[in-house]
C-alpha atoms as a PDB file:
ATOM      1  CA  UNK A   1       0.000   0.000   0.000  1.00  0.00           C
ATOM      2  CA  UNK A   2       1.545   3.288  -1.135  1.00  0.00           C
ATOM      3  CA  UNK A   3       1.152   5.903   1.595  1.00  0.00           C
ATOM      4  CA  UNK A   4       3.698   8.431   0.331  1.00  0.00           C
ATOM      5  CA  UNK A   5       2.056  11.858   0.520  1.00  0.00           C
ATOM      6  CA  UNK A   6       3.458  15.309   1.243  1.00  0.00           C
ATOM      7  CA  UNK A   7       2.506  17.155   4.401  1.00  0.00           C
ATOM      8  CA  UNK A   8       1.002  19.924   2.246  1.00  0.00           C
ATOM      9  CA  UNK A   9      -1.257  17.439   0.423  1.00  0.00           C
ATOM     10  CA  UNK A  10      -2.152  15.682   3.682  1.00  0.00           C
ATOM     11  CA  UNK A  11      -3.252  18.945   5.285  1.00  0.00           C
ATOM     12  CA  UNK A  12      -5.217  20.003   2.193  1.00  0.00           C
ATOM     13  CA  UNK A  13      -7.124  16.701   2.220  1.00  0.00           C
ATOM     14  CA  UNK A  14      -7.732  16.872   5.997  1.00  0.00           C
ATOM     15  CA  UNK A  15      -9.168  20.371   5.487  1.00  0.00           C
ATOM     16  CA  UNK A  16     -11.511  19.090   2.762  1.00  0.00           C
ATOM     17  CA  UNK A  17     -12.686  16.302   5.081  1.00  0.00           C
ATOM     18  CA  UNK A  18     -13.435  18.911   7.756  1.00  0.00           C
ATOM     19  CA  UNK A  19     -15.323  21.100   5.271  1.00  0.00           C
ATOM     20  CA  UNK A  20     -17.303  18.051   4.092  1.00  0.00           C
ATOM     21  CA  UNK A  21     -18.402  17.143   7.641  1.00  0.00           C
ATOM     22  CA  UNK A  22     -19.103  20.715   8.736  1.00  0.00           C
ATOM     23  CA  UNK A  23     -21.087  21.522   5.595  1.00  0.00           C
ATOM     24  CA  UNK A  24     -23.349  18.525   6.275  1.00  0.00           C
ATOM     25  CA  UNK A  25     -23.864  19.531   9.910  1.00  0.00           C
ATOM     26  CA  UNK A  26     -24.417  23.241   9.254  1.00  0.00           C
ATOM     27  CA  UNK A  27     -26.504  22.477   6.143  1.00  0.00           C
ATOM     28  CA  UNK A  28     -24.279  24.803   4.111  1.00  0.00           C
ATOM     29  CA  UNK A  29     -24.709  23.368   0.623  1.00  0.00           C
ATOM     30  CA  UNK A  30     -22.609  26.060  -1.104  1.00  0.00           C
ATOM     31  CA  UNK A  31     -19.731  25.216   1.255  1.00  0.00           C
ATOM     32  CA  UNK A  32     -20.163  21.533   0.417  1.00  0.00           C
ATOM     33  CA  UNK A  33     -20.080  22.154  -3.325  1.00  0.00           C
ATOM     34  CA  UNK A  34     -16.774  24.038  -3.053  1.00  0.00           C
ATOM     35  CA  UNK A  35     -14.945  20.941  -1.833  1.00  0.00           C
ATOM     36  CA  UNK A  36     -16.413  18.567  -4.440  1.00  0.00           C
ATOM     37  CA  UNK A  37     -14.852  17.451  -7.719  1.00  0.00           C
ATOM     38  CA  UNK A  38     -16.618  18.302 -10.987  1.00  0.00           C
ATOM     39  CA  UNK A  39     -17.936  14.710 -11.079  1.00  0.00           C
ATOM     40  CA  UNK A  40     -18.677  12.917  -7.798  1.00  0.00           C
ATOM     41  CA  UNK A  41     -19.591   9.334  -6.921  1.00  0.00           C
ATOM     42  CA  UNK A  42     -21.908   8.800  -3.938  1.00  0.00           C
ATOM     43  CA  UNK A  43     -22.504   5.241  -2.757  1.00  0.00           C
ATOM     44  CA  UNK A  44     -25.339   5.046  -0.207  1.00  0.00           C
ATOM     45  CA  UNK A  45     -26.070   1.334  -0.689  1.00  0.00           C
ATOM     46  CA  UNK A  46     -24.926   0.540   2.868  1.00  0.00           C
ATOM     47  CA  UNK A  47     -27.550   3.011   4.104  1.00  0.00           C
ATOM     48  CA  UNK A  48     -30.379   1.380   2.113  1.00  0.00           C
ATOM     49  CA  UNK A  49     -29.841   3.955  -0.608  1.00  0.00           C
ATOM     50  CA  UNK A  50     -28.533   3.960  -4.138  1.00  0.00           C
ATOM     51  CA  UNK A  51     -25.268   4.243  -6.003  1.00  0.00           C
ATOM     52  CA  UNK A  52     -24.998   7.618  -7.747  1.00  0.00           C
ATOM     53  CA  UNK A  53     -22.235   8.121 -10.294  1.00  0.00           C
ATOM     54  CA  UNK A  54     -21.114  11.185 -12.230  1.00  0.00           C
ATOM     55  CA  UNK A  55     -22.992  13.647 -10.039  1.00  0.00           C
ATOM     56  CA  UNK A  56     -22.349  17.356 -10.385  1.00  0.00           C
ATOM     57  CA  UNK A  57     -21.646  19.153  -7.087  1.00  0.00           C
ATOM     58  CA  UNK A  58     -25.185  20.590  -7.298  1.00  0.00           C
ATOM     59  CA  UNK A  59     -26.765  17.169  -7.790  1.00  0.00           C
ATOM     60  CA  UNK A  60     -24.727  15.762  -4.895  1.00  0.00           C
ATOM     61  CA  UNK A  61     -25.807  18.531  -2.535  1.00  0.00           C
ATOM     62  CA  UNK A  62     -29.443  18.133  -3.628  1.00  0.00           C
ATOM     63  CA  UNK A  63     -29.342  14.477  -2.576  1.00  0.00           C
ATOM     64  CA  UNK A  64     -27.897  15.461   0.815  1.00  0.00           C
ATOM     65  CA  UNK A  65     -30.433  18.232   1.242  1.00  0.00           C
ATOM     66  CA  UNK A  66     -33.169  15.658   0.691  1.00  0.00           C
ATOM     67  CA  UNK A  67     -31.694  13.432   3.394  1.00  0.00           C
ATOM     68  CA  UNK A  68     -30.542  15.857   6.081  1.00  0.00           C
ATOM     69  CA  UNK A  69     -31.687  19.313   4.970  1.00  0.00           C
ATOM     70  CA  UNK A  70     -34.663  19.528   7.326  1.00  0.00           C
ATOM     71  CA  UNK A  71     -34.029  22.309   9.858  1.00  0.00           C
ATOM     72  CA  UNK A  72     -35.555  20.054  12.531  1.00  0.00           C
ATOM     73  CA  UNK A  73     -32.798  17.477  12.000  1.00  0.00           C
ATOM     74  CA  UNK A  74     -29.460  18.052  13.735  1.00  0.00           C
ATOM     75  CA  UNK A  75     -26.413  15.958  12.863  1.00  0.00           C
ATOM     76  CA  UNK A  76     -22.767  15.611  13.779  1.00  0.00           C
ATOM     77  CA  UNK A  77     -20.434  13.767  11.406  1.00  0.00           C
ATOM     78  CA  UNK A  78     -17.405  12.976  13.552  1.00  0.00           C
ATOM     79  CA  UNK A  79     -14.384  11.589  11.701  1.00  0.00           C
ATOM     80  CA  UNK A  80     -11.968   9.485  13.754  1.00  0.00           C
ATOM     81  CA  UNK A  81      -8.919   7.443  12.880  1.00  0.00           C
ATOM     82  CA  UNK A  82      -8.083   7.047   9.224  1.00  0.00           C
ATOM     83  CA  UNK A  83      -6.217   4.818   6.799  1.00  0.00           C
ATOM     84  CA  UNK A  84      -4.620   6.421   3.747  1.00  0.00           C
ATOM     85  CA  UNK A  85      -3.596   5.007   0.385  1.00  0.00           C
ATOM     86  CA  UNK A  86      -2.229   6.644  -2.769  1.00  0.00           C
ATOM     87  CA  UNK A  87      -3.658   4.821  -5.802  1.00  0.00           C
ATOM     88  CA  UNK A  88      -1.782   4.386  -9.074  1.00  0.00           C
ATOM     89  CA  UNK A  89      -3.885   7.047 -10.830  1.00  0.00           C
ATOM     90  CA  UNK A  90      -2.920   9.761  -8.297  1.00  0.00           C
ATOM     91  CA  UNK A  91      -6.133   9.459  -6.317  1.00  0.00           C
ATOM     92  CA  UNK A  92      -5.874   9.361  -2.534  1.00  0.00           C
ATOM     93  CA  UNK A  93      -8.269   6.929  -0.827  1.00  0.00           C
ATOM     94  CA  UNK A  94      -8.966   7.588   2.847  1.00  0.00           C
ATOM     95  CA  UNK A  95     -11.099   5.346   5.044  1.00  0.00           C
ATOM     96  CA  UNK A  96     -12.280   7.212   8.156  1.00  0.00           C
ATOM     97  CA  UNK A  97     -13.897   5.792  11.240  1.00  0.00           C
ATOM     98  CA  UNK A  98     -17.143   7.748  11.564  1.00  0.00           C
ATOM     99  CA  UNK A  99     -19.844   8.335  14.132  1.00  0.00           C
ATOM    100  CA  UNK A 100     -22.875  10.264  12.977  1.00  0.00           C
ATOM    101  CA  UNK A 101     -25.376  11.500  15.532  1.00  0.00           C
ATOM    102  CA  UNK A 102     -28.871  12.346  14.258  1.00  0.00           C
ATOM    103  CA  UNK A 103     -31.598  14.003  16.294  1.00  0.00           C
ATOM    104  CA  UNK A 104     -34.945  15.125  14.902  1.00  0.00           C
ATOM    105  CA  UNK A 105     -36.984  17.720  16.777  1.00  0.00           C
ATOM    106  CA  UNK A 106     -40.735  18.206  16.858  1.00  0.00           C
ATOM    107  CA  UNK A 107     -40.473  21.713  15.380  1.00  0.00           C
ATOM    108  CA  UNK A 108     -37.916  24.358  14.421  1.00  0.00           C
ATOM    109  CA  UNK A 109     -37.757  25.736  17.978  1.00  0.00           C
ATOM    110  CA  UNK A 110     -35.646  22.613  18.701  1.00  0.00           C
ATOM    111  CA  UNK A 111     -37.198  22.377  22.133  1.00  0.00           C
ATOM    112  CA  UNK A 112     -38.416  18.774  22.126  1.00  0.00           C
ATOM    113  CA  UNK A 113     -36.785  15.718  20.575  1.00  0.00           C
ATOM    114  CA  UNK A 114     -39.040  13.612  18.363  1.00  0.00           C
ATOM    115  CA  UNK A 115     -36.559  10.869  17.450  1.00  0.00           C
ATOM    116  CA  UNK A 116     -32.862  10.080  17.435  1.00  0.00           C
ATOM    117  CA  UNK A 117     -30.584   7.601  15.738  1.00  0.00           C
ATOM    118  CA  UNK A 118     -26.825   7.319  15.541  1.00  0.00           C
ATOM    119  CA  UNK A 119     -24.647   5.479  13.039  1.00  0.00           C
ATOM    120  CA  UNK A 120     -21.193   3.979  13.490  1.00  0.00           C
ATOM    121  CA  UNK A 121     -18.916   2.675  10.779  1.00  0.00           C
ATOM    122  CA  UNK A 122     -16.406   3.700   8.145  1.00  0.00           C
ATOM    123  CA  UNK A 123     -16.748   6.233   5.374  1.00  0.00           C
ATOM    124  CA  UNK A 124     -14.362   5.994   2.468  1.00  0.00           C
ATOM    125  CA  UNK A 125     -13.456   9.152   0.548  1.00  0.00           C
ATOM    126  CA  UNK A 126     -11.555   9.492  -2.706  1.00  0.00           C
ATOM    127  CA  UNK A 127      -9.640  12.702  -3.407  1.00  0.00           C
ATOM    128  CA  UNK A 128      -8.054  13.888  -6.654  1.00  0.00           C
ATOM    129  CA  UNK A 129      -6.365  17.086  -7.793  1.00  0.00           C
ATOM    130  CA  UNK A 130      -8.168  19.310 -10.288  1.00  0.00           C
ATOM    131  CA  UNK A 131      -6.150  22.289 -11.536  1.00  0.00           C
ATOM    132  CA  UNK A 132      -3.659  21.626  -8.717  1.00  0.00           C
ATOM    133  CA  UNK A 133      -6.409  21.753  -6.035  1.00  0.00           C
ATOM    134  CA  UNK A 134      -7.509  18.684  -4.080  1.00  0.00           C
ATOM    135  CA  UNK A 135     -11.229  17.893  -4.338  1.00  0.00           C
ATOM    136  CA  UNK A 136     -13.490  15.188  -2.937  1.00  0.00           C
ATOM    137  CA  UNK A 137     -14.344  12.807  -5.780  1.00  0.00           C
ATOM    138  CA  UNK A 138     -16.218   9.997  -4.051  1.00  0.00           C
ATOM    139  CA  UNK A 139     -17.960   9.056  -0.804  1.00  0.00           C
ATOM    140  CA  UNK A 140     -19.012   5.580   0.334  1.00  0.00           C
ATOM    141  CA  UNK A 141     -20.217   5.206   3.926  1.00  0.00           C
ATOM    142  CA  UNK A 142     -20.465   1.737   5.421  1.00  0.00           C
ATOM    143  CA  UNK A 143     -22.797   1.413   8.378  1.00  0.00           C
ATOM    144  CA  UNK A 144     -21.411  -1.143  10.842  1.00  0.00           C
ATOM    145  CA  UNK A 145     -24.019  -0.685  13.576  1.00  0.00           C
ATOM    146  CA  UNK A 146     -26.499   1.877  14.821  1.00  0.00           C
ATOM    147  CA  UNK A 147     -28.222   3.041  17.968  1.00  0.00           C
ATOM    148  CA  UNK A 148     -31.890   3.927  18.455  1.00  0.00           C
ATOM    149  CA  UNK A 149     -33.820   4.518  15.210  1.00  0.00           C
ATOM    150  CA  UNK A 150     -31.446   5.928  12.605  1.00  0.00           C
ATOM    151  CA  UNK A 151     -33.632   5.247   9.560  1.00  0.00           C
ATOM    152  CA  UNK A 152     -36.774   6.499  11.314  1.00  0.00           C
ATOM    153  CA  UNK A 153     -34.928   9.641  12.351  1.00  0.00           C
ATOM    154  CA  UNK A 154     -33.758  10.309   8.801  1.00  0.00           C
ATOM    155  CA  UNK A 155     -37.261   9.842   7.387  1.00  0.00           C
ATOM    156  CA  UNK A 156     -39.425  12.958   7.646  1.00  0.00           C
ATOM    157  CA  UNK A 157     -42.739  12.475   9.441  1.00  0.00           C
ATOM    158  CA  UNK A 158     -45.302  10.923   7.083  1.00  0.00           C
ATOM    159  CA  UNK A 159     -47.895  13.631   7.675  1.00  0.00           C
ATOM    160  CA  UNK A 160     -45.542  16.487   6.774  1.00  0.00           C
ATOM    161  CA  UNK A 161     -43.580  17.626   3.753  1.00  0.00           C
ATOM    162  CA  UNK A 162     -40.176  19.033   4.614  1.00  0.00           C
END
C-alpha cells in the first residue's frame, strides 16, 4: 500500500474532510459544493440507498439536502482514525472511522426531541487534484451498527412535507 504523501497534500485533504463534515452539519450546501470534484460518486447502498455516479456538485448537494436538509434534523459527522492510500492514478483513498449522531426535533424551535438515531462505521473518501487543487471525488459510507432509530430519524414524518 503506497502511503507516500506530502505534508502539504495531507493537510489540504484533511481540510476538505473537515469542510465536508461541517457543511453537512451546518446544512451549508454552497460550502459543500466548493470541496467537491466536478464529477462525484456517492454510494449510499450501505444506508439502504442507491449508487450515484457522475454527479455534479449541485446534484450531490441536492441528494444530501433531501436526506438531512430539514431544519428540525441536527447531525454531527465525527471523523476518527483514518487509513490512507495513494492509488496508481494519483487518487488518494482515505477510510475514516465515523460516528454520525442524528436528532430530529418536533419543530424548528428545537425544544423537544421527536426521534434520534446514531450510526457507526467507516466512510471511504476518494480525493483527486483538479487544476492543482484537491477535491473530494467519491464518498461511500459503510454502516457497521447503529443506535436507536437511525432510519426512522432520517425519514421525515409521514404527515408532513419538509
